[in-house]
C-alpha atoms as a PDB file:
ATOM      1  CA  MET A   1       1.037  -5.012   1.585  1.00  0.00           C
ATOM      2  CA  GLY A   2       1.982  -8.617   2.021  1.00  0.00           C
ATOM      3  CA  ASP A   3       4.704 -11.121   2.701  1.00  0.00           C
ATOM      4  CA  SER A   4       3.451 -14.375   1.197  1.00  0.00           C
ATOM      5  CA  LEU A   5       1.917 -15.911  -1.905  1.00  0.00           C
ATOM      6  CA  SER A   6      -1.558 -15.842  -0.364  1.00  0.00           C
ATOM      7  CA  ASP A   7      -1.337 -12.017  -0.177  1.00  0.00           C
ATOM      8  CA  LEU A   8      -0.792 -11.620  -3.916  1.00  0.00           C
ATOM      9  CA  PRO A   9      -4.456 -11.358  -5.002  1.00  0.00           C
ATOM     10  CA  ALA A  10      -5.099  -8.515  -2.549  1.00  0.00           C
ATOM     11  CA  MET A  11      -1.852  -6.779  -3.475  1.00  0.00           C
ATOM     12  CA  SER A  12      -2.858  -6.894  -7.145  1.00  0.00           C
ATOM     13  CA  LEU A  13      -5.766  -4.572  -6.258  1.00  0.00           C
ATOM     14  CA  ALA A  14      -3.722  -2.107  -4.212  1.00  0.00           C
ATOM     15  CA  ALA A  15      -2.816   1.344  -5.473  1.00  0.00           C
ATOM     16  CA  LEU A  16       0.681   0.814  -4.064  1.00  0.00           C
ATOM     17  CA  PRO A  17       1.362  -2.930  -3.731  1.00  0.00           C
ATOM     18  CA  ILE A  18       4.203  -3.499  -1.269  1.00  0.00           C
ATOM     19  CA  VAL A  19       5.904  -6.810  -0.574  1.00  0.00           C
ATOM     20  CA  ILE A  20       8.058  -7.289   2.504  1.00  0.00           C
ATOM     21  CA  GLY A  21      10.083 -10.382   3.258  1.00  0.00           C
ATOM     22  CA  GLY A  22      11.826 -12.882   1.049  1.00  0.00           C
ATOM     23  CA  ASP A  23       9.067 -15.214  -0.193  1.00  0.00           C
ATOM     24  CA  ALA A  24      10.420 -16.551  -3.493  1.00  0.00           C
ATOM     25  CA  ALA A  25       7.082 -18.198  -4.388  1.00  0.00           C
ATOM     26  CA  LEU A  26       5.341 -14.818  -4.220  1.00  0.00           C
ATOM     27  CA  ARG A  27       7.885 -13.258  -6.575  1.00  0.00           C
ATOM     28  CA  ALA A  28       7.746 -16.202  -8.975  1.00  0.00           C
ATOM     29  CA  ALA A  29       3.942 -16.083  -9.134  1.00  0.00           C
ATOM     30  CA  ALA A  30       4.004 -12.325  -9.675  1.00  0.00           C
ATOM     31  CA  ALA A  31       6.526 -12.698 -12.498  1.00  0.00           C
ATOM     32  CA  ALA A  32       4.421 -15.444 -14.093  1.00  0.00           C
ATOM     33  CA  GLN A  33       1.487 -12.997 -14.135  1.00  0.00           C
ATOM     34  CA  GLY A  34       3.577 -10.266 -15.777  1.00  0.00           C
ATOM     35  CA  TRP A  35       4.367  -8.252 -12.660  1.00  0.00           C
ATOM     36  CA  ALA A  36       7.764  -6.683 -12.060  1.00  0.00           C
ATOM     37  CA  VAL A  37       9.375  -6.258  -8.641  1.00  0.00           C
ATOM     38  CA  ALA A  38      11.059  -2.914  -7.944  1.00  0.00           C
ATOM     39  CA  PRO A  39      12.577  -1.339  -4.847  1.00  0.00           C
ATOM     40  CA  LEU A  40      10.147   0.725  -2.781  1.00  0.00           C
ATOM     41  CA  ALA A  41      12.362   3.766  -3.391  1.00  0.00           C
ATOM     42  CA  ALA A  42      11.247   3.606  -7.041  1.00  0.00           C
ATOM     43  CA  ALA A  43       7.668   4.169  -5.886  1.00  0.00           C
ATOM     44  CA  SER A  44       8.729   7.379  -4.132  1.00  0.00           C
ATOM     45  CA  VAL A  45      10.249   8.629  -7.373  1.00  0.00           C
ATOM     46  CA  ALA A  46       7.228   7.583  -9.459  1.00  0.00           C
ATOM     47  CA  LEU A  47       4.777   9.216  -7.046  1.00  0.00           C
ATOM     48  CA  ALA A  48       6.603  12.521  -7.501  1.00  0.00           C
ATOM     49  CA  THR A  49       6.021  12.489 -11.277  1.00  0.00           C
ATOM     50  CA  PRO A  50       2.852  13.467 -13.126  1.00  0.00           C
ATOM     51  CA  ALA A  51       2.552   9.943 -14.570  1.00  0.00           C
ATOM     52  CA  GLY A  52       2.466   8.360 -11.116  1.00  0.00           C
ATOM     53  CA  LEU A  53       2.968   4.677 -10.476  1.00  0.00           C
ATOM     54  CA  PRO A  54       3.301   2.317 -13.423  1.00  0.00           C
ATOM     55  CA  PRO A  55       0.915  -0.640 -13.519  1.00  0.00           C
ATOM     56  CA  ASN A  56       1.851  -4.205 -12.585  1.00  0.00           C
ATOM     57  CA  VAL A  57       4.760  -3.430 -10.276  1.00  0.00           C
ATOM     58  CA  LEU A  58       5.185  -4.857  -6.777  1.00  0.00           C
ATOM     59  CA  TYR A  59       7.357  -2.626  -4.633  1.00  0.00           C
ATOM     60  CA  GLU A  60       9.776  -4.417  -2.350  1.00  0.00           C
ATOM     61  CA  ALA A  61      10.431  -2.989   1.113  1.00  0.00           C
ATOM     62  CA  GLN A  62      13.382  -3.953   3.253  1.00  0.00           C
ATOM     63  CA  SER A  63      11.881  -2.738   6.551  1.00  0.00           C
ATOM     64  CA  TRP A  64       8.818  -1.239   8.203  1.00  0.00           C
ATOM     65  CA  GLU A  65      10.793   1.982   8.585  1.00  0.00           C
ATOM     66  CA  GLN A  66      11.195   2.151   4.813  1.00  0.00           C
ATOM     67  CA  ILE A  67       7.441   1.645   4.368  1.00  0.00           C
ATOM     68  CA  ALA A  68       6.703   4.403   6.877  1.00  0.00           C
ATOM     69  CA  ALA A  69       9.080   6.776   5.075  1.00  0.00           C
ATOM     70  CA  VAL A  70       7.141   6.339   1.828  1.00  0.00           C
ATOM     71  CA  LEU A  71       3.584   6.173   3.147  1.00  0.00           C
ATOM     72  CA  LEU A  72       3.610   8.589   6.064  1.00  0.00           C
ATOM     73  CA  LEU A  73       4.341  12.286   5.927  1.00  0.00           C
ATOM     74  CA  PRO A  74       7.570  13.473   7.511  1.00  0.00           C
ATOM     75  CA  PRO A  75       7.037  15.615  10.619  1.00  0.00           C
ATOM     76  CA  ALA A  76       7.890  18.778   8.660  1.00  0.00           C
ATOM     77  CA  ALA A  77       4.956  18.135   6.296  1.00  0.00           C
ATOM     78  CA  GLY A  78       2.428  17.533   9.061  1.00  0.00           C
ATOM     79  CA  PRO A  79      -0.317  19.856  10.320  1.00  0.00           C
ATOM     80  CA  ALA A  80       2.113  22.522  11.569  1.00  0.00           C
ATOM     81  CA  ALA A  81       3.390  22.930   7.989  1.00  0.00           C
ATOM     82  CA  GLY A  82      -0.114  22.957   6.545  1.00  0.00           C
ATOM     83  CA  GLY A  83      -0.128  19.287   5.521  1.00  0.00           C
ATOM     84  CA  VAL A  84      -2.724  16.686   6.414  1.00  0.00           C
ATOM     85  CA  PRO A  85      -1.346  13.584   8.141  1.00  0.00           C
ATOM     86  CA  ARG A  86      -1.895  10.306   6.309  1.00  0.00           C
ATOM     87  CA  VAL A  87      -2.930   7.158   8.154  1.00  0.00           C
ATOM     88  CA  LEU A  88      -1.814   3.676   7.172  1.00  0.00           C
ATOM     89  CA  ILE A  89      -4.513   1.171   8.092  1.00  0.00           C
ATOM     90  CA  VAL A  90      -3.349  -2.396   8.533  1.00  0.00           C
ATOM     91  CA  ALA A  91      -6.351  -4.460   9.570  1.00  0.00           C
ATOM     92  CA  GLY A  92      -8.141  -7.723   9.170  1.00  0.00           C
ATOM     93  CA  SER A  93     -11.778  -8.169   8.288  1.00  0.00           C
ATOM     94  CA  ASP A  94     -14.786  -8.382  10.593  1.00  0.00           C
ATOM     95  CA  SER A  95     -17.851  -9.986   9.027  1.00  0.00           C
ATOM     96  CA  GLY A  96     -20.100  -7.832  11.210  1.00  0.00           C
ATOM     97  CA  GLY A  97     -18.488  -4.606  10.001  1.00  0.00           C
ATOM     98  CA  GLY A  98     -17.902  -3.335  13.527  1.00  0.00           C
ATOM     99  CA  ALA A  99     -14.125  -3.599  13.537  1.00  0.00           C
ATOM    100  CA  GLY A 100     -11.117  -4.040  11.305  1.00  0.00           C
ATOM    101  CA  ILE A 101     -10.877  -2.790   7.759  1.00  0.00           C
ATOM    102  CA  GLN A 102     -14.610  -2.043   7.635  1.00  0.00           C
ATOM    103  CA  ALA A 103     -14.566   0.274  10.665  1.00  0.00           C
ATOM    104  CA  ASP A 104     -11.116   1.849  10.639  1.00  0.00           C
ATOM    105  CA  PRO A 105     -11.652   3.989   7.504  1.00  0.00           C
ATOM    106  CA  ARG A 106     -14.982   5.189   8.937  1.00  0.00           C
ATOM    107  CA  ARG A 107     -13.209   6.283  12.114  1.00  0.00           C
ATOM    108  CA  THR A 108     -10.666   8.322  10.158  1.00  0.00           C
ATOM    109  CA  LEU A 109     -13.529  10.378   8.698  1.00  0.00           C
ATOM    110  CA  THR A 110     -13.991  11.905  12.155  1.00  0.00           C
ATOM    111  CA  LEU A 111     -10.326  12.922  12.462  1.00  0.00           C
ATOM    112  CA  PRO A 112      -8.195  15.596  10.738  1.00  0.00           C
ATOM    113  CA  VAL A 113      -6.344  12.942   8.714  1.00  0.00           C
ATOM    114  CA  THR A 114      -6.560  11.259   5.349  1.00  0.00           C
ATOM    115  CA  ALA A 115      -6.552   7.501   4.914  1.00  0.00           C
ATOM    116  CA  PRO A 116      -6.334   6.833   1.168  1.00  0.00           C
ATOM    117  CA  THR A 117      -8.025   3.634   0.114  1.00  0.00           C
ATOM    118  CA  THR A 118      -8.025   1.625  -3.047  1.00  0.00           C
ATOM    119  CA  GLY A 119     -10.622  -0.396  -4.831  1.00  0.00           C
ATOM    120  CA  PRO A 120     -10.637  -2.832  -7.703  1.00  0.00           C
ATOM    121  CA  ASP A 121      -9.189  -0.331 -10.148  1.00  0.00           C
ATOM    122  CA  ARG A 122      -6.646  -2.812 -11.494  1.00  0.00           C
ATOM    123  CA  ASP A 123      -7.196  -6.002 -13.420  1.00  0.00           C
ATOM    124  CA  HIS A 124      -8.347  -8.763 -11.113  1.00  0.00           C
ATOM    125  CA  TRP A 125      -5.813 -11.461 -10.392  1.00  0.00           C
ATOM    126  CA  PRO A 126      -6.611 -14.436 -12.663  1.00  0.00           C
END
């Protein structure tokens, strides 16, 4: 998830790259690299299909509420309904590994939640 041109390399590695805000330079750079920009609602539709998300698409969110609606389970799908809550981790990096993005996923392993992560499963940003 990002809001500026400097976030584009990290977003290119994300399973669900989300852009928020109106940075025209980010969109222009993405287009120059062959990426499309689609509304975040399109990701919800794609996730519900067997094919899943298409490659090289940045999903544009209009608000944090819209992001939460796509990434987090609705209350009806939570533990009471037999679902497992998902956790969205938004964190920086700690070179010592004791906090931030290095520690937060480890902490979720001790809780009855899932915190999906992504790795470099896409082409690296040139």
